Amino acid sequence: SKIGDKIRKFVTKPIHVHVTFSVDKHTHTVHCHLVGGDGFNLE
């Protein structure tokens, strides 16, 4: 919901978003890789 709401206002073509959640002891990590049909690739 949070990521979808954010990217909808910027992206006009199809996209692929991959989100990874991981936990190492007490550290939680979120990694997001976004590939847009508008020709960009963000991590």
All heavy atoms as atom14 arrays in JSON, in Angstrom:
{
  "sequence": "SKIGDKIRKFVTKPIHVHVTFSVDKHTHTVHCHLVGGDGFNLE",
  "atom14_mask": [
    [1, 1, 1, 1, 1, 1, 0, 0, 0, 0, 0, 0, 0, 0],
    [1, 1, 1, 1, 1, 1, 1, 1, 1, 0, 0, 0, 0, 0],
    [1, 1, 1, 1, 1, 1, 1, 1, 0, 0, 0, 0, 0, 0],
    [1, 1, 1, 1, 0, 0, 0, 0, 0, 0, 0, 0, 0, 0],
    [1, 1, 1, 1, 1, 1, 1, 1, 0, 0, 0, 0, 0, 0],
    [1, 1, 1, 1, 1, 1, 1, 1, 1, 0, 0, 0, 0, 0],
    [1, 1, 1, 1, 1, 1, 1, 1, 0, 0, 0, 0, 0, 0],
    [1, 1, 1, 1, 1, 1, 1, 1, 1, 1, 1, 0, 0, 0],
    [1, 1, 1, 1, 1, 1, 1, 1, 1, 0, 0, 0, 0, 0],
    [1, 1, 1, 1, 1, 1, 1, 1, 1, 1, 1, 0, 0, 0],
    [1, 1, 1, 1, 1, 1, 1, 0, 0, 0, 0, 0, 0, 0],
    [1, 1, 1, 1, 1, 1, 1, 0, 0, 0, 0, 0, 0, 0],
    [1, 1, 1, 1, 1, 1, 1, 1, 1, 0, 0, 0, 0, 0],
    [1, 1, 1, 1, 1, 1, 1, 0, 0, 0, 0, 0, 0, 0],
    [1, 1, 1, 1, 1, 1, 1, 1, 0, 0, 0, 0, 0, 0],
    [1, 1, 1, 1, 1, 1, 1, 1, 1, 1, 0, 0, 0, 0],
    [1, 1, 1, 1, 1, 1, 1, 0, 0, 0, 0, 0, 0, 0],
    [1, 1, 1, 1, 1, 1, 1, 1, 1, 1, 0, 0, 0, 0],
    [1, 1, 1, 1, 1, 1, 1, 0, 0, 0, 0, 0, 0, 0],
    [1, 1, 1, 1, 1, 1, 1, 0, 0, 0, 0, 0, 0, 0],
    [1, 1, 1, 1, 1, 1, 1, 1, 1, 1, 1, 0, 0, 0],
    [1, 1, 1, 1, 1, 1, 0, 0, 0, 0, 0, 0, 0, 0],
    [1, 1, 1, 1, 1, 1, 1, 0, 0, 0, 0, 0, 0, 0],
    [1, 1, 1, 1, 1, 1, 1, 1, 0, 0, 0, 0, 0, 0],
    [1, 1, 1, 1, 1, 1, 1, 1, 1, 0, 0, 0, 0, 0],
    [1, 1, 1, 1, 1, 1, 1, 1, 1, 1, 0, 0, 0, 0],
    [1, 1, 1, 1, 1, 1, 1, 0, 0, 0, 0, 0, 0, 0],
    [1, 1, 1, 1, 1, 1, 1, 1, 1, 1, 0, 0, 0, 0],
    [1, 1, 1, 1, 1, 1, 1, 0, 0, 0, 0, 0, 0, 0],
    [1, 1, 1, 1, 1, 1, 1, 0, 0, 0, 0, 0, 0, 0],
    [1, 1, 1, 1, 1, 1, 1, 1, 1, 1, 0, 0, 0, 0],
    [1, 1, 1, 1, 1, 1, 0, 0, 0, 0, 0, 0, 0, 0],
    [1, 1, 1, 1, 1, 1, 1, 1, 1, 1, 0, 0, 0, 0],
    [1, 1, 1, 1, 1, 1, 1, 1, 0, 0, 0, 0, 0, 0],
    [1, 1, 1, 1, 1, 1, 1, 0, 0, 0, 0, 0, 0, 0],
    [1, 1, 1, 1, 0, 0, 0, 0, 0, 0, 0, 0, 0, 0],
    [1, 1, 1, 1, 0, 0, 0, 0, 0, 0, 0, 0, 0, 0],
    [1, 1, 1, 1, 1, 1, 1, 1, 0, 0, 0, 0, 0, 0],
    [1, 1, 1, 1, 0, 0, 0, 0, 0, 0, 0, 0, 0, 0],
    [1, 1, 1, 1, 1, 1, 1, 1, 1, 1, 1, 0, 0, 0],
    [1, 1, 1, 1, 1, 1, 1, 1, 0, 0, 0, 0, 0, 0],
    [1, 1, 1, 1, 1, 1, 1, 1, 0, 0, 0, 0, 0, 0],
    [1, 1, 1, 1, 1, 1, 1, 1, 1, 0, 0, 0, 0, 0]
  ],
  "atom14_positions": [
    [[0.82, -1.21, 0.0], [0.0, 0.0, 0.0], [0.86, 1.26, 0.0], [0.65, 2.18, -0.8], [-0.92, -0.01, 1.22], [-1.59, 1.21, 1.35], [0.0, 0.0, 0.0], [0.0, 0.0, 0.0], [0.0, 0.0, 0.0], [0.0, 0.0, 0.0], [0.0, 0.0, 0.0], [0.0, 0.0, 0.0], [0.0, 0.0, 0.0], [0.0, 0.0, 0.0]],
    [[1.84, 1.33, 0.89], [2.68, 2.52, 1.02], [3.51, 2.76, -0.25], [3.57, 3.87, -0.75], [3.62, 2.39, 2.22], [2.93, 2.29, 3.56], [2.37, 3.61, 4.0], [3.48, 4.45, 4.6], [3.01, 5.63, 5.3], [0.0, 0.0, 0.0], [0.0, 0.0, 0.0], [0.0, 0.0, 0.0], [0.0, 0.0, 0.0], [0.0, 0.0, 0.0]],
    [[4.14, 1.71, -0.76], [4.98, 1.85, -1.95], [4.12, 2.12, -3.17], [4.43, 2.98, -3.99], [5.88, 0.62, -2.12], [6.91, 0.56, -0.99], [6.57, 0.64, -3.48], [7.68, -0.73, -0.9], [0.0, 0.0, 0.0], [0.0, 0.0, 0.0], [0.0, 0.0, 0.0], [0.0, 0.0, 0.0], [0.0, 0.0, 0.0], [0.0, 0.0, 0.0]],
    [[3.01, 1.4, -3.28], [2.11, 1.6, -4.42], [1.58, 3.01, -4.5], [1.56, 3.62, -5.57], [0.0, 0.0, 0.0], [0.0, 0.0, 0.0], [0.0, 0.0, 0.0], [0.0, 0.0, 0.0], [0.0, 0.0, 0.0], [0.0, 0.0, 0.0], [0.0, 0.0, 0.0], [0.0, 0.0, 0.0], [0.0, 0.0, 0.0], [0.0, 0.0, 0.0]],
    [[1.16, 3.56, -3.37], [0.65, 4.93, -3.36], [1.71, 5.92, -3.81], [1.43, 6.88, -4.52], [0.16, 5.31, -1.95], [-1.12, 4.61, -1.56], [-1.78, 4.01, -2.44], [-1.46, 4.64, -0.35], [0.0, 0.0, 0.0], [0.0, 0.0, 0.0], [0.0, 0.0, 0.0], [0.0, 0.0, 0.0], [0.0, 0.0, 0.0], [0.0, 0.0, 0.0]],
    [[2.94, 5.69, -3.38], [4.03, 6.61, -3.71], [4.38, 6.57, -5.18], [4.53, 7.61, -5.83], [5.27, 6.29, -2.86], [6.4, 7.24, -3.02], [6.03, 8.68, -2.72], [5.67, 8.86, -1.27], [5.27, 10.21, -0.91], [0.0, 0.0, 0.0], [0.0, 0.0, 0.0], [0.0, 0.0, 0.0], [0.0, 0.0, 0.0], [0.0, 0.0, 0.0]],
    [[4.52, 5.37, -5.75], [4.99, 5.3, -7.13], [3.9, 5.63, -8.14], [4.22, 6.07, -9.24], [5.63, 3.93, -7.45], [4.64, 2.8, -7.29], [6.87, 3.72, -6.62], [5.2, 1.45, -7.66], [0.0, 0.0, 0.0], [0.0, 0.0, 0.0], [0.0, 0.0, 0.0], [0.0, 0.0, 0.0], [0.0, 0.0, 0.0], [0.0, 0.0, 0.0]],
    [[2.65, 5.48, -7.78], [1.58, 5.81, -8.73], [1.61, 7.26, -9.18], [1.22, 7.57, -10.3], [0.22, 5.47, -8.12], [-0.13, 4.02, -8.26], [-1.56, 3.72, -7.82], [-1.67, 2.32, -7.53], [-1.53, 1.77, -6.32], [-1.32, 2.51, -5.27], [-1.63, 0.47, -6.16], [0.0, 0.0, 0.0], [0.0, 0.0, 0.0], [0.0, 0.0, 0.0]],
    [[2.07, 8.15, -8.34], [2.08, 9.55, -8.73], [3.28, 9.91, -9.6], [3.3, 10.97, -10.2], [2.0, 10.46, -7.5], [3.22, 10.53, -6.64], [2.96, 11.48, -5.49], [4.24, 11.77, -4.73], [4.02, 12.7, -3.64], [0.0, 0.0, 0.0], [0.0, 0.0, 0.0], [0.0, 0.0, 0.0], [0.0, 0.0, 0.0], [0.0, 0.0, 0.0]],
    [[4.27, 9.01, -9.72], [5.45, 9.29, -10.53], [5.53, 8.45, -11.8], [6.13, 8.87, -12.77], [6.73, 9.04, -9.72], [6.95, 10.03, -8.62], [6.69, 9.69, -7.31], [7.41, 11.3, -8.89], [6.9, 10.6, -6.28], [7.61, 12.21, -7.88], [7.36, 11.86, -6.57], [0.0, 0.0, 0.0], [0.0, 0.0, 0.0], [0.0, 0.0, 0.0]],
    [[4.97, 7.26, -11.79], [5.19, 6.3, -12.86], [3.97, 6.27, -13.79], [2.84, 6.18, -13.33], [5.47, 4.9, -12.28], [5.66, 3.88, -13.37], [6.69, 4.94, -11.37], [0.0, 0.0, 0.0], [0.0, 0.0, 0.0], [0.0, 0.0, 0.0], [0.0, 0.0, 0.0], [0.0, 0.0, 0.0], [0.0, 0.0, 0.0], [0.0, 0.0, 0.0]],
    [[4.25, 6.33, -15.1], [3.15, 6.32, -16.06], [3.08, 5.03, -16.87], [2.1, 4.8, -17.56], [3.3, 7.5, -17.04], [4.56, 7.39, -17.72], [3.23, 8.83, -16.3], [0.0, 0.0, 0.0], [0.0, 0.0, 0.0], [0.0, 0.0, 0.0], [0.0, 0.0, 0.0], [0.0, 0.0, 0.0], [0.0, 0.0, 0.0], [0.0, 0.0, 0.0]],
    [[4.14, 4.21, -16.82], [4.17, 2.96, -17.56], [4.29, 1.79, -16.59], [4.54, 2.0, -15.41], [5.35, 2.98, -18.53], [5.19, 4.06, -19.6], [6.3, 4.01, -20.59], [6.07, 5.12, -21.63], [7.2, 5.24, -22.53], [0.0, 0.0, 0.0], [0.0, 0.0, 0.0], [0.0, 0.0, 0.0], [0.0, 0.0, 0.0], [0.0, 0.0, 0.0]],
    [[4.13, 0.56, -17.07], [4.21, -0.61, -16.18], [5.54, -0.66, -15.42], [6.58, -0.23, -15.91], [4.08, -1.8, -17.12], [3.37, -1.26, -18.31], [3.83, 0.18, -18.44], [0.0, 0.0, 0.0], [0.0, 0.0, 0.0], [0.0, 0.0, 0.0], [0.0, 0.0, 0.0], [0.0, 0.0, 0.0], [0.0, 0.0, 0.0], [0.0, 0.0, 0.0]],
    [[5.46, -1.22, -14.22], [6.62, -1.33, -13.37], [6.69, -2.72, -12.74], [5.7, -3.44, -12.71], [6.63, -0.29, -12.23], [5.37, -0.45, -11.4], [6.77, 1.11, -12.75], [5.48, 0.13, -10.04], [0.0, 0.0, 0.0], [0.0, 0.0, 0.0], [0.0, 0.0, 0.0], [0.0, 0.0, 0.0], [0.0, 0.0, 0.0], [0.0, 0.0, 0.0]],
    [[7.86, -3.02, -12.23], [8.04, -4.24, -11.45], [8.72, -3.81, -10.15], [9.75, -3.13, -10.18], [8.91, -5.24, -12.2], [9.27, -6.43, -11.37], [8.39, -7.45, -11.12], [10.41, -6.73, -10.71], [8.98, -8.34, -10.34], [10.21, -7.93, -10.08], [0.0, 0.0, 0.0], [0.0, 0.0, 0.0], [0.0, 0.0, 0.0], [0.0, 0.0, 0.0]],
    [[8.14, -4.19, -9.03], [8.71, -3.85, -7.73], [8.92, -5.14, -6.95], [8.02, -5.97, -6.86], [7.77, -2.92, -6.93], [8.38, -2.6, -5.58], [7.48, -1.65, -7.7], [0.0, 0.0, 0.0], [0.0, 0.0, 0.0], [0.0, 0.0, 0.0], [0.0, 0.0, 0.0], [0.0, 0.0, 0.0], [0.0, 0.0, 0.0], [0.0, 0.0, 0.0]],
    [[10.13, -5.28, -6.42], [10.45, -6.45, -5.6], [10.91, -5.94, -4.24], [11.89, -5.19, -4.16], [11.55, -7.28, -6.27], [11.88, -8.52, -5.52], [11.11, -9.65, -5.6], [12.88, -8.8, -4.66], [11.64, -10.58, -4.83], [12.71, -10.08, -4.23], [0.0, 0.0, 0.0], [0.0, 0.0, 0.0], [0.0, 0.0, 0.0], [0.0, 0.0, 0.0]],
    [[10.21, -6.33, -3.19], [10.54, -5.9, -1.83], [10.97, -7.12, -1.03], [10.28, -8.14, -1.04], [9.34, -5.21, -1.15], [9.69, -4.78, 0.26], [8.87, -4.01, -1.97], [0.0, 0.0, 0.0], [0.0, 0.0, 0.0], [0.0, 0.0, 0.0], [0.0, 0.0, 0.0], [0.0, 0.0, 0.0], [0.0, 0.0, 0.0], [0.0, 0.0, 0.0]],
    [[12.1, -6.98, -0.34], [12.63, -8.05, 0.49], [12.7, -7.58, 1.93], [13.18, -6.48, 2.2], [14.04, -8.46, 0.02], [13.99, -8.78, -1.36], [14.56, -9.64, 0.81], [0.0, 0.0, 0.0], [0.0, 0.0, 0.0], [0.0, 0.0, 0.0], [0.0, 0.0, 0.0], [0.0, 0.0, 0.0], [0.0, 0.0, 0.0], [0.0, 0.0, 0.0]],
    [[12.21, -8.41, 2.84], [12.29, -8.15, 4.27], [13.27, -9.14, 4.88], [13.21, -10.33, 4.57], [10.92, -8.36, 4.95], [9.81, -7.57, 4.35], [8.93, -8.16, 3.45], [9.62, -6.24, 4.68], [7.89, -7.44, 2.9], [8.58, -5.51, 4.13], [7.72, -6.11, 3.24], [0.0, 0.0, 0.0], [0.0, 0.0, 0.0], [0.0, 0.0, 0.0]],
    [[14.15, -8.67, 5.74], [15.07, -9.59, 6.41], [15.3, -9.11, 7.84], [15.14, -7.93, 8.16], [16.39, -9.71, 5.66], [17.04, -8.47, 5.59], [0.0, 0.0, 0.0], [0.0, 0.0, 0.0], [0.0, 0.0, 0.0], [0.0, 0.0, 0.0], [0.0, 0.0, 0.0], [0.0, 0.0, 0.0], [0.0, 0.0, 0.0], [0.0, 0.0, 0.0]],
    [[15.66, -10.07, 8.69], [15.95, -9.76, 10.09], [17.26, -10.45, 10.46], [17.44, -11.64, 10.2], [14.82, -10.26, 11.03], [15.17, -9.98, 12.48], [13.49, -9.64, 10.66], [0.0, 0.0, 0.0], [0.0, 0.0, 0.0], [0.0, 0.0, 0.0], [0.0, 0.0, 0.0], [0.0, 0.0, 0.0], [0.0, 0.0, 0.0], [0.0, 0.0, 0.0]],
    [[18.17, -9.68, 11.04], [19.43, -10.22, 11.54], [19.58, -9.74, 12.98], [19.83, -8.55, 13.21], [20.59, -9.73, 10.69], [21.94, -10.29, 11.14], [21.96, -11.37, 11.75], [22.96, -9.62, 10.89], [0.0, 0.0, 0.0], [0.0, 0.0, 0.0], [0.0, 0.0, 0.0], [0.0, 0.0, 0.0], [0.0, 0.0, 0.0], [0.0, 0.0, 0.0]],
    [[19.36, -10.65, 13.91], [19.33, -10.33, 15.33], [18.25, -9.28, 15.58], [17.09, -9.56, 15.44], [20.7, -9.94, 15.84], [21.71, -11.06, 15.72], [23.0, -10.74, 16.37], [23.93, -11.93, 16.16], [25.2, -11.74, 16.78], [0.0, 0.0, 0.0], [0.0, 0.0, 0.0], [0.0, 0.0, 0.0], [0.0, 0.0, 0.0], [0.0, 0.0, 0.0]],
    [[18.63, -8.05, 15.92], [17.63, -7.01, 16.21], [17.51, -5.98, 15.09], [16.86, -4.96, 15.27], [17.99, -6.3, 17.52], [17.98, -7.22, 18.7], [16.81, -7.74, 19.22], [18.99, -7.74, 19.44], [17.11, -8.53, 20.23], [18.43, -8.55, 20.38], [0.0, 0.0, 0.0], [0.0, 0.0, 0.0], [0.0, 0.0, 0.0], [0.0, 0.0, 0.0]],
    [[18.16, -6.25, 13.97], [18.14, -5.31, 12.85], [17.2, -5.81, 11.77], [17.39, -6.89, 11.22], [19.55, -5.11, 12.28], [20.42, -4.67, 13.32], [19.54, -4.09, 11.16], [0.0, 0.0, 0.0], [0.0, 0.0, 0.0], [0.0, 0.0, 0.0], [0.0, 0.0, 0.0], [0.0, 0.0, 0.0], [0.0, 0.0, 0.0], [0.0, 0.0, 0.0]],
    [[16.18, -5.03, 11.48], [15.23, -5.33, 10.42], [15.63, -4.53, 9.19], [15.95, -3.34, 9.3], [13.81, -4.95, 10.84], [13.35, -5.7, 12.04], [12.33, -5.26, 12.83], [13.76, -6.85, 12.59], [12.12, -6.1, 13.81], [12.99, -7.08, 13.68], [0.0, 0.0, 0.0], [0.0, 0.0, 0.0], [0.0, 0.0, 0.0], [0.0, 0.0, 0.0]],
    [[15.59, -5.17, 8.03], [15.99, -4.52, 6.79], [14.91, -4.68, 5.74], [14.36, -5.76, 5.57], [17.32, -5.11, 6.26], [18.31, -4.99, 7.28], [17.78, -4.41, 5.01], [0.0, 0.0, 0.0], [0.0, 0.0, 0.0], [0.0, 0.0, 0.0], [0.0, 0.0, 0.0], [0.0, 0.0, 0.0], [0.0, 0.0, 0.0], [0.0, 0.0, 0.0]],
    [[14.63, -3.59, 5.04], [13.71, -3.61, 3.91], [14.51, -3.15, 2.69], [15.16, -2.11, 2.72], [12.51, -2.67, 4.12], [11.63, -2.63, 2.88], [11.7, -3.11, 5.33], [0.0, 0.0, 0.0], [0.0, 0.0, 0.0], [0.0, 0.0, 0.0], [0.0, 0.0, 0.0], [0.0, 0.0, 0.0], [0.0, 0.0, 0.0], [0.0, 0.0, 0.0]],
    [[14.48, -3.96, 1.64], [15.17, -3.63, 0.39], [14.1, -3.59, -0.71], [13.3, -4.52, -0.83], [16.22, -4.69, 0.06], [16.93, -4.43, -1.22], [18.07, -3.68, -1.28], [16.66, -4.79, -2.49], [18.47, -3.59, -2.53], [17.62, -4.27, -3.28], [0.0, 0.0, 0.0], [0.0, 0.0, 0.0], [0.0, 0.0, 0.0], [0.0, 0.0, 0.0]],
    [[14.12, -2.54, -1.5], [13.14, -2.38, -2.58], [13.88, -2.15, -3.89], [14.71, -1.25, -4.0], [12.22, -1.19, -2.28], [10.99, -0.9, -3.56], [0.0, 0.0, 0.0], [0.0, 0.0, 0.0], [0.0, 0.0, 0.0], [0.0, 0.0, 0.0], [0.0, 0.0, 0.0], [0.0, 0.0, 0.0], [0.0, 0.0, 0.0], [0.0, 0.0, 0.0]],
    [[13.56, -2.97, -4.88], [14.12, -2.84, -6.23], [12.96, -2.54, -7.17], [12.01, -3.31, -7.25], [14.83, -4.12, -6.63], [15.46, -4.05, -7.98], [15.74, -5.16, -8.71], [15.88, -3.0, -8.73], [16.3, -4.81, -9.85], [16.39, -3.5, -9.88], [0.0, 0.0, 0.0], [0.0, 0.0, 0.0], [0.0, 0.0, 0.0], [0.0, 0.0, 0.0]],
    [[13.04, -1.42, -7.85], [11.96, -0.96, -8.73], [12.5, -0.79, -10.14], [13.5, -0.11, -10.35], [11.43, 0.38, -8.21], [10.21, 0.97, -8.88], [9.36, 1.66, -7.84], [10.61, 1.93, -9.96], [0.0, 0.0, 0.0], [0.0, 0.0, 0.0], [0.0, 0.0, 0.0], [0.0, 0.0, 0.0], [0.0, 0.0, 0.0], [0.0, 0.0, 0.0]],
    [[11.85, -1.45, -11.11], [12.2, -1.31, -12.52], [10.98, -0.74, -13.21], [9.89, -1.33, -13.16], [12.59, -2.66, -13.14], [12.9, -2.49, -14.62], [13.75, -3.29, -12.4], [0.0, 0.0, 0.0], [0.0, 0.0, 0.0], [0.0, 0.0, 0.0], [0.0, 0.0, 0.0], [0.0, 0.0, 0.0], [0.0, 0.0, 0.0], [0.0, 0.0, 0.0]],
    [[11.15, 0.41, -13.84], [10.02, 1.09, -14.47], [10.08, 1.06, -15.98], [11.16, 1.11, -16.57], [0.0, 0.0, 0.0], [0.0, 0.0, 0.0], [0.0, 0.0, 0.0], [0.0, 0.0, 0.0], [0.0, 0.0, 0.0], [0.0, 0.0, 0.0], [0.0, 0.0, 0.0], [0.0, 0.0, 0.0], [0.0, 0.0, 0.0], [0.0, 0.0, 0.0]],
    [[8.92, 0.99, -16.59], [8.81, 1.05, -18.04], [9.21, 2.41, -18.58], [9.4, 2.58, -19.78], [0.0, 0.0, 0.0], [0.0, 0.0, 0.0], [0.0, 0.0, 0.0], [0.0, 0.0, 0.0], [0.0, 0.0, 0.0], [0.0, 0.0, 0.0], [0.0, 0.0, 0.0], [0.0, 0.0, 0.0], [0.0, 0.0, 0.0], [0.0, 0.0, 0.0]],
    [[9.34, 3.39, -17.71], [9.78, 4.72, -18.12], [11.29, 4.77, -18.29], [11.85, 5.82, -18.55], [9.36, 5.77, -17.09], [7.85, 5.99, -17.06], [7.18, 5.61, -18.04], [7.36, 6.54, -16.07], [0.0, 0.0, 0.0], [0.0, 0.0, 0.0], [0.0, 0.0, 0.0], [0.0, 0.0, 0.0], [0.0, 0.0, 0.0], [0.0, 0.0, 0.0]],
    [[11.96, 3.63, -18.12], [13.4, 3.55, -18.35], [14.27, 3.77, -17.14], [15.4, 4.21, -17.26], [0.0, 0.0, 0.0], [0.0, 0.0, 0.0], [0.0, 0.0, 0.0], [0.0, 0.0, 0.0], [0.0, 0.0, 0.0], [0.0, 0.0, 0.0], [0.0, 0.0, 0.0], [0.0, 0.0, 0.0], [0.0, 0.0, 0.0], [0.0, 0.0, 0.0]],
    [[13.78, 3.47, -15.97], [14.62, 3.65, -14.79], [14.68, 2.39, -13.95], [13.83, 1.51, -14.06], [14.2, 4.85, -13.94], [12.8, 4.78, -13.43], [12.51, 4.14, -12.24], [11.77, 5.37, -14.13], [11.22, 4.08, -11.76], [10.47, 5.31, -13.65], [10.2, 4.67, -12.48], [0.0, 0.0, 0.0], [0.0, 0.0, 0.0], [0.0, 0.0, 0.0]],
    [[15.72, 2.32, -13.14], [15.98, 1.17, -12.29], [16.48, 1.72, -10.96], [17.55, 2.32, -10.91], [17.04, 0.3, -12.97], [17.29, -0.99, -12.25], [16.68, -1.29, -11.23], [18.22, -1.76, -12.78], [0.0, 0.0, 0.0], [0.0, 0.0, 0.0], [0.0, 0.0, 0.0], [0.0, 0.0, 0.0], [0.0, 0.0, 0.0], [0.0, 0.0, 0.0]],
    [[15.7, 1.56, -9.9], [16.06, 2.11, -8.59], [16.16, 1.0, -7.54], [15.4, 0.04, -7.59], [15.0, 3.1, -8.11], [14.68, 4.3, -8.98], [13.52, 5.07, -8.38], [15.9, 5.18, -9.09], [0.0, 0.0, 0.0], [0.0, 0.0, 0.0], [0.0, 0.0, 0.0], [0.0, 0.0, 0.0], [0.0, 0.0, 0.0], [0.0, 0.0, 0.0]],
    [[17.08, 1.18, -6.62], [17.17, 0.3, -5.46], [17.34, 1.16, -4.22], [18.16, 2.07, -4.21], [18.35, -0.67, -5.59], [18.11, -1.72, -6.63], [19.1, -2.85, -6.55], [19.21, -3.47, -5.47], [19.76, -3.1, -7.56], [0.0, 0.0, 0.0], [0.0, 0.0, 0.0], [0.0, 0.0, 0.0], [0.0, 0.0, 0.0], [0.0, 0.0, 0.0]]
  ]
}
